[in-house]
C-alpha cells in the first residue's frame, strides 16, 4: 500500500512517474515465473519505496537494481515454507 501522502508528494516530484513507467516493464522483463502474484507484489514494493524515497537523478542503474531487488523479495515472500532447517 502506498503512503498516505503519495499523491501529494508525487505531484511535487516528476521523477516518481518516470521511475514507475520505466520500472514496471523491467519487472515484467526480468520476471521468469508462472505466478502472476510475484510481479504484482514487486510493483507494490516499488510503489511503497518511491512514495517515501526520492531517487537521485542521472542514475538509471538504480531503477534496474530496484526491480531485481523487489522481484527477489516478492519471490521470497511468496514462498510458503520458511523453515530454518
Protein backbone atom coordinates (compact mmCIF):
# COMPACT_ATOMS: atom_id res chain seq x y z
CA UNK A 1 0.00 0.00 0.00
CA UNK A 2 1.29 3.44 -0.89
CA UNK A 3 1.86 6.00 1.82
CA UNK A 4 -0.98 8.39 2.57
CA UNK A 5 0.97 11.28 1.07
CA UNK A 6 1.86 9.51 -2.19
CA UNK A 7 -0.44 11.57 -4.40
CA UNK A 8 0.55 14.92 -2.93
CA UNK A 9 4.26 14.13 -3.00
CA UNK A 10 4.14 12.68 -6.49
CA UNK A 11 2.62 15.92 -7.79
CA UNK A 12 5.65 17.76 -6.44
CA UNK A 13 8.17 15.32 -7.95
CA UNK A 14 8.26 14.45 -11.65
CA UNK A 15 10.63 11.57 -11.05
CA UNK A 16 8.13 9.18 -9.45
CA UNK A 17 6.03 8.78 -12.58
CA UNK A 18 9.02 8.30 -14.82
CA UNK A 19 10.59 5.79 -12.44
CA UNK A 20 7.37 3.80 -12.34
CA UNK A 21 6.96 3.94 -16.14
CA UNK A 22 10.50 2.59 -16.58
CA UNK A 23 10.37 0.05 -13.77
CA UNK A 24 7.14 -1.81 -14.50
CA UNK A 25 8.21 -3.04 -17.96
CA UNK A 26 11.58 -4.03 -16.46
CA UNK A 27 9.87 -6.03 -13.73
CA UNK A 28 7.93 -7.99 -16.35
CA UNK A 29 11.07 -8.36 -18.49
CA UNK A 30 13.03 -9.90 -15.60
CA UNK A 31 10.06 -11.95 -14.38
CA UNK A 32 10.66 -15.65 -15.18
CA UNK A 33 7.96 -17.39 -13.19
CA UNK A 34 4.41 -18.50 -13.92
CA UNK A 35 2.97 -16.93 -10.77
CA UNK A 36 1.42 -13.52 -11.63
CA UNK A 37 1.36 -12.52 -7.95
CA UNK A 38 5.15 -12.02 -7.86
CA UNK A 39 5.34 -9.06 -10.30
CA UNK A 40 2.22 -7.59 -8.65
CA UNK A 41 3.94 -7.76 -5.28
CA UNK A 42 7.19 -6.34 -6.73
CA UNK A 43 5.31 -3.33 -8.16
CA UNK A 44 3.63 -2.87 -4.79
CA UNK A 45 7.04 -2.76 -3.08
CA UNK A 46 8.28 -0.32 -5.72
CA UNK A 47 5.28 1.96 -5.13
CA UNK A 48 5.90 1.91 -1.40
CA UNK A 49 9.54 2.81 -1.90
CA UNK A 50 9.03 5.66 -4.36
CA UNK A 51 6.22 7.08 -2.23
CA UNK A 52 8.69 7.61 0.59
CA UNK A 53 12.10 7.99 -1.05
CA UNK A 54 13.24 10.22 -3.90
CA UNK A 55 15.72 8.65 -6.30
CA UNK A 56 18.72 10.70 -7.42
CA UNK A 57 18.72 11.98 -11.00
CA UNK A 58 21.12 10.52 -13.57
CA UNK A 59 21.36 7.02 -12.10
CA UNK A 60 19.41 4.69 -14.42
CA UNK A 61 21.15 1.62 -12.96
CA UNK A 62 19.33 2.26 -9.69
CA UNK A 63 15.94 1.53 -11.27
CA UNK A 64 17.19 -1.81 -12.59
CA UNK A 65 18.62 -2.66 -9.18
CA UNK A 66 15.31 -1.81 -7.50
CA UNK A 67 13.39 -4.02 -9.96
CA UNK A 68 15.63 -7.02 -9.40
CA UNK A 69 15.61 -6.49 -5.64
CA UNK A 70 11.84 -6.24 -5.42
CA UNK A 71 11.31 -9.28 -7.66
CA UNK A 72 13.67 -11.26 -5.43
CA UNK A 73 11.90 -10.06 -2.30
CA UNK A 74 8.48 -10.80 -3.78
CA UNK A 75 9.54 -14.32 -4.76
CA UNK A 76 10.94 -14.92 -1.28
CA UNK A 77 7.80 -13.60 0.40
CA UNK A 78 5.63 -15.79 -1.84
CA UNK A 79 7.47 -18.86 -0.60
CA UNK A 80 5.25 -20.76 1.78
CA UNK A 81 7.93 -22.66 3.69
CA UNK A 82 10.15 -20.52 5.93
CA UNK A 83 11.69 -23.36 7.89
CA UNK A 84 15.09 -22.84 9.48
CA UNK A 85 16.45 -26.28 8.65
